[in-house]
Amino acid sequence: MTISDISPTTRRPRPRSLAAAVLLALVTLVATALPASAVTQSYAESRFRSVGITWSSSGGCTNRYNSTCTSFEGLRQATVDGAVTLKTASGCALNITGGTETGHASGTYSHWNGYKLDFSKYTCIGSYITRNFTYIGLRGDGAPQYRSGAGNVYADEGNHWDVTFYNCGGC
């Protein structure tokens, strides 16, 4: 068998140089690292800081792979915007205690996938949620849930609010 016997569909194109191969590998890595709508830690911090949203973690860190950290790496843009909308609409203090770090439940609309944030449970934000959103029943784990007009779901987990942002909440 000679090279001409191999069909073009079975031959793999080879990069013309090492630089081209490295560039192709980097583009592939970046394209698969985070969803298209995902944001970076620094971007989310900047947006949150600009409206007075604070964050804390038991480990004092932001590493996504450490469950004692509070990470924003990979948050969806709509989640960032939803938190900003919640802060500005409620006028309440908001402190984020959970983001995309490991250690939360899995699933499509999960913390890891950038849909959820946990907020400290303050009287102001609790009153805002329960007075302005519709009670929709208990979650499987017994947490009372409320749905905003935009469709985002707020679950009272006892010591914090677990919020699923399906969209930006009217931003």
N, C-alpha and C. Protein backbone atom coordinates (compact mmCIF):
# COMPACT_ATOMS: atom_id res chain seq x y z
N MET A 1 0.85 -1.17 0.00
CA MET A 1 0.00 0.00 0.00
C MET A 1 0.89 1.23 0.00
N THR A 2 0.50 2.18 -0.81
CA THR A 2 1.26 3.44 -0.89
C THR A 2 0.41 4.56 -0.31
N ILE A 3 1.02 5.73 -0.14
CA ILE A 3 0.32 6.91 0.38
C ILE A 3 -0.88 7.22 -0.49
N SER A 4 -0.77 7.04 -1.78
CA SER A 4 -1.89 7.37 -2.67
C SER A 4 -3.05 6.40 -2.49
N ASP A 5 -2.81 5.23 -1.87
CA ASP A 5 -3.88 4.26 -1.63
C ASP A 5 -4.75 4.63 -0.42
N ILE A 6 -4.28 5.54 0.41
CA ILE A 6 -5.02 5.94 1.61
C ILE A 6 -5.96 7.08 1.23
N SER A 7 -7.21 6.92 1.58
CA SER A 7 -8.18 7.98 1.25
C SER A 7 -7.92 9.21 2.11
N PRO A 8 -8.29 10.38 1.63
CA PRO A 8 -8.08 11.62 2.37
C PRO A 8 -8.80 11.63 3.71
N THR A 9 -9.86 10.85 3.85
CA THR A 9 -10.60 10.87 5.11
C THR A 9 -9.89 10.07 6.19
N THR A 10 -8.96 9.19 5.83
CA THR A 10 -8.26 8.42 6.84
C THR A 10 -6.94 9.06 7.23
N ARG A 11 -6.47 10.00 6.46
CA ARG A 11 -5.22 10.68 6.80
C ARG A 11 -5.53 11.84 7.73
N ARG A 12 -4.71 12.01 8.72
CA ARG A 12 -4.87 13.12 9.64
C ARG A 12 -3.98 14.27 9.20
N PRO A 13 -4.54 15.47 9.16
CA PRO A 13 -3.69 16.61 8.81
C PRO A 13 -2.69 16.86 9.93
N ARG A 14 -1.47 17.14 9.54
CA ARG A 14 -0.44 17.42 10.52
C ARG A 14 -0.14 18.91 10.52
N PRO A 15 0.06 19.48 11.70
CA PRO A 15 0.45 20.89 11.74
C PRO A 15 1.76 21.08 11.00
N ARG A 16 1.91 22.22 10.38
CA ARG A 16 3.12 22.50 9.60
C ARG A 16 4.30 22.84 10.48
N SER A 17 4.03 23.19 11.74
CA SER A 17 5.15 23.53 12.62
C SER A 17 4.76 23.24 14.06
N LEU A 18 5.76 23.25 14.91
CA LEU A 18 5.52 23.07 16.33
C LEU A 18 4.65 24.20 16.87
N ALA A 19 4.88 25.41 16.40
CA ALA A 19 4.09 26.57 16.85
C ALA A 19 2.61 26.38 16.51
N ALA A 20 2.33 25.87 15.33
CA ALA A 20 0.94 25.63 14.93
C ALA A 20 0.31 24.55 15.81
N ALA A 21 1.07 23.52 16.14
CA ALA A 21 0.56 22.45 16.99
C ALA A 21 0.26 22.97 18.39
N VAL A 22 1.14 23.79 18.93
CA VAL A 22 0.93 24.37 20.26
C VAL A 22 -0.29 25.29 20.25
N LEU A 23 -0.41 26.12 19.22
CA LEU A 23 -1.55 27.02 19.11
C LEU A 23 -2.86 26.24 19.04
N LEU A 24 -2.89 25.19 18.24
CA LEU A 24 -4.08 24.36 18.13
C LEU A 24 -4.43 23.74 19.49
N ALA A 25 -3.45 23.24 20.20
CA ALA A 25 -3.68 22.65 21.52
C ALA A 25 -4.22 23.68 22.50
N LEU A 26 -3.67 24.88 22.49
CA LEU A 26 -4.13 25.94 23.40
C LEU A 26 -5.55 26.37 23.09
N VAL A 27 -5.87 26.52 21.82
CA VAL A 27 -7.23 26.91 21.43
C VAL A 27 -8.22 25.84 21.88
N THR A 28 -7.88 24.58 21.69
CA THR A 28 -8.74 23.49 22.11
C THR A 28 -8.92 23.49 23.62
N LEU A 29 -7.85 23.70 24.37
CA LEU A 29 -7.91 23.73 25.83
C LEU A 29 -8.80 24.87 26.32
N VAL A 30 -8.59 26.05 25.79
CA VAL A 30 -9.38 27.21 26.21
C VAL A 30 -10.85 27.02 25.85
N ALA A 31 -11.12 26.49 24.68
CA ALA A 31 -12.50 26.32 24.22
C ALA A 31 -13.26 25.32 25.08
N THR A 32 -12.56 24.35 25.67
CA THR A 32 -13.25 23.33 26.47
C THR A 32 -13.14 23.57 27.97
N ALA A 33 -12.38 24.56 28.40
CA ALA A 33 -12.15 24.78 29.82
C ALA A 33 -13.41 25.27 30.54
N LEU A 34 -14.10 26.23 30.01
CA LEU A 34 -15.28 26.80 30.64
C LEU A 34 -16.38 26.99 29.60
N PRO A 35 -17.63 26.90 30.02
CA PRO A 35 -18.72 27.17 29.08
C PRO A 35 -18.60 28.57 28.50
N ALA A 36 -19.20 28.78 27.35
CA ALA A 36 -19.10 30.07 26.65
C ALA A 36 -19.58 31.23 27.50
N SER A 37 -20.57 31.01 28.36
CA SER A 37 -21.12 32.09 29.17
C SER A 37 -20.45 32.20 30.53
N ALA A 38 -19.41 31.40 30.79
CA ALA A 38 -18.74 31.41 32.09
C ALA A 38 -17.82 32.61 32.22
N VAL A 39 -17.66 33.06 33.47
CA VAL A 39 -16.80 34.20 33.75
C VAL A 39 -15.63 33.78 34.64
N THR A 40 -14.67 34.66 34.76
CA THR A 40 -13.50 34.39 35.59
C THR A 40 -13.74 34.86 37.03
N GLN A 41 -12.89 34.42 37.92
CA GLN A 41 -12.94 34.84 39.31
C GLN A 41 -12.82 36.36 39.42
N SER A 42 -11.84 36.92 38.73
CA SER A 42 -11.60 38.37 38.85
C SER A 42 -12.76 39.19 38.29
N TYR A 43 -13.36 38.72 37.20
CA TYR A 43 -14.51 39.44 36.63
C TYR A 43 -15.67 39.45 37.63
N ALA A 44 -16.00 38.27 38.17
CA ALA A 44 -17.12 38.18 39.12
C ALA A 44 -16.85 39.04 40.35
N GLU A 45 -15.63 38.96 40.89
CA GLU A 45 -15.29 39.78 42.06
C GLU A 45 -15.50 41.26 41.76
N SER A 46 -15.06 41.70 40.61
CA SER A 46 -15.19 43.11 40.23
C SER A 46 -16.65 43.53 40.15
N ARG A 47 -17.48 42.70 39.52
CA ARG A 47 -18.91 43.02 39.40
C ARG A 47 -19.58 43.04 40.77
N PHE A 48 -19.27 42.06 41.60
CA PHE A 48 -19.88 42.00 42.93
C PHE A 48 -19.44 43.19 43.78
N ARG A 49 -18.16 43.47 43.75
CA ARG A 49 -17.62 44.58 44.53
C ARG A 49 -18.26 45.91 44.10
N SER A 50 -18.54 46.06 42.81
CA SER A 50 -19.08 47.33 42.29
C SER A 50 -20.47 47.67 42.85
N VAL A 51 -21.20 46.66 43.33
CA VAL A 51 -22.53 46.92 43.91
C VAL A 51 -22.60 46.63 45.40
N GLY A 52 -21.47 46.30 45.98
CA GLY A 52 -21.43 46.08 47.43
C GLY A 52 -21.73 44.67 47.88
N ILE A 53 -21.69 43.70 46.98
CA ILE A 53 -21.84 42.30 47.38
C ILE A 53 -20.50 41.83 47.93
N THR A 54 -20.54 41.19 49.10
CA THR A 54 -19.32 40.66 49.71
C THR A 54 -19.31 39.14 49.59
N TRP A 55 -18.20 38.53 49.95
CA TRP A 55 -18.09 37.08 49.94
C TRP A 55 -17.13 36.66 51.03
N SER A 56 -17.30 35.43 51.47
CA SER A 56 -16.45 34.88 52.52
C SER A 56 -16.36 33.37 52.34
N SER A 57 -15.33 32.80 52.97
CA SER A 57 -15.19 31.34 52.95
C SER A 57 -14.51 30.91 54.24
N SER A 58 -14.78 29.71 54.66
CA SER A 58 -14.16 29.22 55.89
C SER A 58 -12.66 29.06 55.73
N GLY A 59 -12.20 28.86 54.49
CA GLY A 59 -10.77 28.72 54.24
C GLY A 59 -10.08 30.00 53.83
N GLY A 60 -10.85 31.08 53.63
CA GLY A 60 -10.25 32.34 53.21
C GLY A 60 -9.58 32.24 51.85
N CYS A 61 -10.20 31.51 50.91
CA CYS A 61 -9.56 31.24 49.62
C CYS A 61 -10.60 31.21 48.50
N THR A 62 -10.11 31.09 47.26
CA THR A 62 -11.00 31.07 46.09
C THR A 62 -10.76 29.87 45.17
N ASN A 63 -10.00 28.89 45.60
CA ASN A 63 -9.67 27.74 44.77
C ASN A 63 -10.91 26.87 44.52
N ARG A 64 -11.25 26.70 43.28
CA ARG A 64 -12.44 25.95 42.89
C ARG A 64 -12.39 24.49 43.34
N TYR A 65 -11.21 23.96 43.50
CA TYR A 65 -11.04 22.54 43.83
C TYR A 65 -10.89 22.30 45.34
N ASN A 66 -11.16 23.32 46.15
CA ASN A 66 -11.05 23.22 47.60
C ASN A 66 -12.42 23.57 48.19
N SER A 67 -13.04 22.64 48.88
CA SER A 67 -14.40 22.85 49.38
C SER A 67 -14.50 23.90 50.48
N THR A 68 -13.39 24.30 51.08
CA THR A 68 -13.44 25.35 52.10
C THR A 68 -13.31 26.75 51.51
N CYS A 69 -13.17 26.83 50.20
CA CYS A 69 -13.05 28.12 49.51
C CYS A 69 -14.41 28.55 48.97
N THR A 70 -14.50 29.80 48.56
CA THR A 70 -15.66 30.30 47.82
C THR A 70 -15.14 30.78 46.47
N SER A 71 -15.47 30.02 45.43
CA SER A 71 -14.95 30.30 44.10
C SER A 71 -16.05 30.83 43.18
N PHE A 72 -15.65 31.73 42.29
CA PHE A 72 -16.56 32.24 41.26
C PHE A 72 -16.10 31.80 39.87
N GLU A 73 -15.01 31.06 39.78
CA GLU A 73 -14.48 30.61 38.50
C GLU A 73 -15.52 29.71 37.83
N GLY A 74 -15.96 30.09 36.63
CA GLY A 74 -16.94 29.29 35.91
C GLY A 74 -18.39 29.65 36.19
N LEU A 75 -18.62 30.70 37.00
CA LEU A 75 -20.00 31.17 37.17
C LEU A 75 -20.55 31.60 35.81
N ARG A 76 -21.81 31.40 35.59
CA ARG A 76 -22.45 31.88 34.37
C ARG A 76 -22.66 33.39 34.48
N GLN A 77 -22.60 34.06 33.36
CA GLN A 77 -22.85 35.50 33.34
C GLN A 77 -24.22 35.82 33.93
N ALA A 78 -25.22 35.00 33.62
CA ALA A 78 -26.57 35.24 34.13
C ALA A 78 -26.62 35.11 35.65
N THR A 79 -25.79 34.26 36.23
CA THR A 79 -25.74 34.11 37.69
C THR A 79 -25.15 35.35 38.32
N VAL A 80 -24.07 35.86 37.74
CA VAL A 80 -23.47 37.11 38.24
C VAL A 80 -24.51 38.23 38.15
N ASP A 81 -25.14 38.36 36.99
CA ASP A 81 -26.14 39.42 36.80
C ASP A 81 -27.34 39.23 37.73
N GLY A 82 -27.72 37.98 37.97
CA GLY A 82 -28.84 37.71 38.89
C GLY A 82 -28.54 38.14 40.31
N ALA A 83 -27.31 37.90 40.76
CA ALA A 83 -26.92 38.34 42.11
C ALA A 83 -26.91 39.86 42.19
N VAL A 84 -26.41 40.51 41.16
CA VAL A 84 -26.40 41.98 41.11
C VAL A 84 -27.83 42.51 41.13
N THR A 85 -28.72 41.89 40.36
CA THR A 85 -30.13 42.30 40.35
C THR A 85 -30.75 42.13 41.73
N LEU A 86 -30.49 40.99 42.39
CA LEU A 86 -31.01 40.75 43.73
C LEU A 86 -30.54 41.82 44.70
N LYS A 87 -29.28 42.16 44.64
CA LYS A 87 -28.72 43.18 45.53
C LYS A 87 -29.38 44.54 45.29
N THR A 88 -29.46 44.96 44.04
CA THR A 88 -30.00 46.29 43.74
C THR A 88 -31.51 46.36 43.98
N ALA A 89 -32.24 45.30 43.67
CA ALA A 89 -33.69 45.30 43.86
C ALA A 89 -34.07 45.25 45.34
N SER A 90 -33.32 44.48 46.12
CA SER A 90 -33.65 44.31 47.53
C SER A 90 -33.11 45.42 48.42
N GLY A 91 -31.97 45.98 48.03
CA GLY A 91 -31.31 46.97 48.87
C GLY A 91 -30.70 46.36 50.12
N CYS A 92 -30.66 45.04 50.18
CA CYS A 92 -30.14 44.33 51.35
C CYS A 92 -28.65 44.03 51.21
N ALA A 93 -28.01 43.81 52.34
CA ALA A 93 -26.64 43.31 52.34
C ALA A 93 -26.66 41.89 51.78
N LEU A 94 -25.70 41.58 50.92
CA LEU A 94 -25.57 40.22 50.39
C LEU A 94 -24.14 39.77 50.60
N ASN A 95 -23.99 38.59 51.20
CA ASN A 95 -22.67 37.98 51.37
C ASN A 95 -22.73 36.58 50.79
N ILE A 96 -21.87 36.31 49.82
CA ILE A 96 -21.83 35.00 49.17
C ILE A 96 -20.93 34.07 49.97
N THR A 97 -21.46 32.89 50.30
CA THR A 97 -20.69 31.90 51.06
C THR A 97 -20.42 30.64 50.25
N GLY A 98 -21.00 30.53 49.08
CA GLY A 98 -20.78 29.36 48.24
C GLY A 98 -20.94 29.71 46.78
N GLY A 99 -20.02 29.22 45.97
CA GLY A 99 -20.04 29.47 44.53
C GLY A 99 -19.83 28.18 43.78
N THR A 100 -18.80 28.16 42.94
CA THR A 100 -18.56 27.02 42.06
C THR A 100 -17.57 26.00 42.62
N GLU A 101 -17.17 26.18 43.86
CA GLU A 101 -16.19 25.26 44.45
C GLU A 101 -16.77 23.86 44.62
N THR A 102 -15.89 22.90 44.69
CA THR A 102 -16.29 21.50 44.88
C THR A 102 -16.97 21.32 46.23
N GLY A 103 -17.75 20.26 46.34
CA GLY A 103 -18.38 19.95 47.62
C GLY A 103 -19.89 20.13 47.64
N HIS A 104 -20.45 20.71 46.60
CA HIS A 104 -21.90 20.88 46.51
C HIS A 104 -22.51 19.71 45.75
N ALA A 105 -23.82 19.59 45.81
CA ALA A 105 -24.52 18.54 45.07
C ALA A 105 -24.30 18.71 43.56
N SER A 106 -24.28 17.58 42.86
CA SER A 106 -24.08 17.62 41.41
C SER A 106 -25.42 17.83 40.70
N GLY A 107 -25.37 17.95 39.40
CA GLY A 107 -26.57 18.12 38.60
C GLY A 107 -26.39 19.20 37.56
N THR A 108 -27.31 19.27 36.64
CA THR A 108 -27.22 20.25 35.56
C THR A 108 -27.20 21.67 36.10
N TYR A 109 -28.15 22.00 36.96
CA TYR A 109 -28.26 23.36 37.50
C TYR A 109 -27.58 23.41 38.87
N SER A 110 -26.29 23.16 38.87
CA SER A 110 -25.52 23.01 40.11
C SER A 110 -24.59 24.19 40.36
N HIS A 111 -24.01 24.19 41.54
CA HIS A 111 -22.97 25.16 41.87
C HIS A 111 -21.81 25.01 40.88
N TRP A 112 -21.34 23.78 40.71
CA TRP A 112 -20.18 23.52 39.85
C TRP A 112 -20.39 24.04 38.44
N ASN A 113 -21.60 23.90 37.92
CA ASN A 113 -21.90 24.34 36.55
C ASN A 113 -22.22 25.83 36.46
N GLY A 114 -22.12 26.54 37.58
CA GLY A 114 -22.23 27.99 37.56
C GLY A 114 -23.61 28.57 37.71
N TYR A 115 -24.60 27.74 38.06
CA TYR A 115 -25.98 28.22 38.18
C TYR A 115 -26.34 28.70 39.59
N LYS A 116 -25.58 28.28 40.60
CA LYS A 116 -26.00 28.52 41.98
C LYS A 116 -25.01 29.34 42.78
N LEU A 117 -25.57 30.10 43.72
CA LEU A 117 -24.79 30.79 44.74
C LEU A 117 -25.48 30.59 46.08
N ASP A 118 -24.69 30.52 47.14
CA ASP A 118 -25.22 30.51 48.50
C ASP A 118 -25.00 31.88 49.11
N PHE A 119 -26.01 32.38 49.82
CA PHE A 119 -25.94 33.69 50.47
C PHE A 119 -26.16 33.53 51.97
N SER A 120 -25.42 34.32 52.75
CA SER A 120 -25.64 34.36 54.19
C SER A 120 -27.10 34.70 54.46
N LYS A 121 -27.61 34.16 55.54
CA LYS A 121 -29.02 34.35 55.87
C LYS A 121 -29.17 35.56 56.80
N TYR A 122 -29.49 36.69 56.22
CA TYR A 122 -29.75 37.92 56.96
C TYR A 122 -31.25 38.18 56.95
N THR A 123 -31.75 38.88 57.97
CA THR A 123 -33.18 39.19 58.07
C THR A 123 -33.68 39.95 56.85
N CYS A 124 -32.92 40.95 56.41
CA CYS A 124 -33.36 41.78 55.29
C CYS A 124 -33.60 40.95 54.02
N ILE A 125 -32.64 40.14 53.64
CA ILE A 125 -32.78 39.39 52.39
C ILE A 125 -33.85 38.30 52.53
N GLY A 126 -33.94 37.70 53.70
CA GLY A 126 -34.98 36.69 53.94
C GLY A 126 -36.37 37.28 53.82
N SER A 127 -36.56 38.46 54.39
CA SER A 127 -37.86 39.14 54.29
C SER A 127 -38.16 39.53 52.85
N TYR A 128 -37.14 40.00 52.14
CA TYR A 128 -37.34 40.37 50.73
C TYR A 128 -37.80 39.16 49.91
N ILE A 129 -37.14 38.03 50.09
CA ILE A 129 -37.47 36.83 49.32
C ILE A 129 -38.87 36.34 49.66
N THR A 130 -39.18 36.21 50.94
CA THR A 130 -40.48 35.64 51.33
C THR A 130 -41.65 36.58 51.05
N ARG A 131 -41.41 37.87 50.98
CA ARG A 131 -42.50 38.82 50.70
C ARG A 131 -42.70 39.07 49.20
N ASN A 132 -41.65 38.91 48.41
CA ASN A 132 -41.74 39.27 47.00
C ASN A 132 -41.80 38.09 46.03
N PHE A 133 -41.44 36.90 46.50
CA PHE A 133 -41.42 35.74 45.62
C PHE A 133 -42.49 34.74 46.06
N THR A 134 -42.84 33.85 45.16
CA THR A 134 -43.92 32.89 45.39
C THR A 134 -43.41 31.62 46.04
N TYR A 135 -44.04 31.23 47.14
CA TYR A 135 -43.70 29.97 47.79
C TYR A 135 -44.14 28.83 46.88
N ILE A 136 -43.22 27.91 46.60
CA ILE A 136 -43.55 26.81 45.67
C ILE A 136 -43.45 25.44 46.32
N GLY A 137 -43.30 25.39 47.63
CA GLY A 137 -43.26 24.11 48.33
C GLY A 137 -41.88 23.73 48.80
N LEU A 138 -41.81 22.55 49.40
CA LEU A 138 -40.56 22.07 49.95
C LEU A 138 -39.76 21.30 48.90
N ARG A 139 -38.47 21.51 48.92
CA ARG A 139 -37.56 20.74 48.08
C ARG A 139 -37.46 19.33 48.65
N GLY A 140 -36.89 18.41 47.94
CA GLY A 140 -36.76 17.03 48.40
C GLY A 140 -36.09 16.89 49.75
N ASP A 141 -35.19 17.81 50.08
CA ASP A 141 -34.49 17.76 51.37
C ASP A 141 -35.23 18.54 52.46
N GLY A 142 -36.43 19.04 52.14
CA GLY A 142 -37.23 19.75 53.12
C GLY A 142 -37.04 21.26 53.14
N ALA A 143 -36.18 21.79 52.29
CA ALA A 143 -35.93 23.23 52.26
C ALA A 143 -37.11 23.95 51.60
N PRO A 144 -37.69 24.97 52.27
CA PRO A 144 -38.74 25.77 51.65
C PRO A 144 -38.18 26.51 50.43
N GLN A 145 -38.97 26.55 49.35
CA GLN A 145 -38.51 27.19 48.11
C GLN A 145 -39.45 28.31 47.69
N TYR A 146 -38.84 29.33 47.08
CA TYR A 146 -39.57 30.48 46.57
C TYR A 146 -39.09 30.74 45.15
N ARG A 147 -40.02 31.10 44.26
CA ARG A 147 -39.66 31.39 42.87
C ARG A 147 -39.91 32.86 42.58
N SER A 148 -38.90 33.51 42.01
CA SER A 148 -39.05 34.91 41.62
C SER A 148 -39.88 34.99 40.34
N GLY A 149 -40.33 36.19 40.01
CA GLY A 149 -41.07 36.40 38.77
C GLY A 149 -40.27 36.01 37.54
N ALA A 150 -38.95 36.09 37.65
CA ALA A 150 -38.07 35.74 36.53
C ALA A 150 -37.83 34.23 36.44
N GLY A 151 -38.25 33.48 37.47
CA GLY A 151 -38.09 32.03 37.45
C GLY A 151 -36.94 31.48 38.26
N ASN A 152 -36.15 32.34 38.88
CA ASN A 152 -35.05 31.87 39.72
C ASN A 152 -35.61 31.31 41.02
N VAL A 153 -34.93 30.30 41.58
CA VAL A 153 -35.45 29.61 42.76
C VAL A 153 -34.54 29.83 43.95
N TYR A 154 -35.17 30.20 45.07
CA TYR A 154 -34.49 30.52 46.32
C TYR A 154 -34.89 29.48 47.36
N ALA A 155 -33.93 28.69 47.85
CA ALA A 155 -34.22 27.65 48.84
C ALA A 155 -33.60 28.04 50.18
N ASP A 156 -34.41 28.00 51.22
CA ASP A 156 -33.96 28.31 52.57
C ASP A 156 -33.39 27.04 53.18
N GLU A 157 -32.06 26.94 53.21
CA GLU A 157 -31.41 25.74 53.72
C GLU A 157 -31.09 25.83 55.22
N GLY A 158 -31.73 26.74 55.91
CA GLY A 158 -31.55 26.85 57.35
C GLY A 158 -30.54 27.90 57.73
N ASN A 159 -29.27 27.69 57.36
CA ASN A 159 -28.24 28.67 57.71
C ASN A 159 -27.80 29.53 56.54
N HIS A 160 -28.39 29.31 55.37
CA HIS A 160 -28.09 30.16 54.20
C HIS A 160 -29.17 29.98 53.14
N TRP A 161 -29.18 30.89 52.18
CA TRP A 161 -30.07 30.79 51.01
C TRP A 161 -29.29 30.16 49.87
N ASP A 162 -29.85 29.11 49.28
CA ASP A 162 -29.27 28.44 48.11
C ASP A 162 -30.09 28.91 46.91
N VAL A 163 -29.47 29.67 46.02
CA VAL A 163 -30.21 30.30 44.93
C VAL A 163 -29.77 29.74 43.58
N THR A 164 -30.74 29.30 42.79
CA THR A 164 -30.49 28.83 41.43
C THR A 164 -30.92 29.93 40.47
N PHE A 165 -29.93 30.46 39.75
CA PHE A 165 -30.19 31.53 38.78
C PHE A 165 -30.31 30.92 37.39
N TYR A 166 -31.53 30.78 36.91
CA TYR A 166 -31.76 30.30 35.55
C TYR A 166 -31.54 31.44 34.55
N ASN A 167 -31.68 32.67 35.05
CA ASN A 167 -31.48 33.86 34.21
C ASN A 167 -31.06 35.02 35.11
N CYS A 168 -30.92 36.18 34.54
CA CYS A 168 -30.37 37.32 35.29
C CYS A 168 -31.39 38.01 36.18
N GLY A 169 -32.62 37.55 36.20
CA GLY A 169 -33.59 38.11 37.12
C GLY A 169 -34.14 39.46 36.74
N GLY A 170 -34.18 39.76 35.46
CA GLY A 170 -34.73 41.04 35.01
C GLY A 170 -33.69 42.13 34.86
N CYS A 171 -32.46 41.76 34.68
CA CYS A 171 -31.38 42.74 34.55
C CYS A 171 -31.54 43.61 33.31
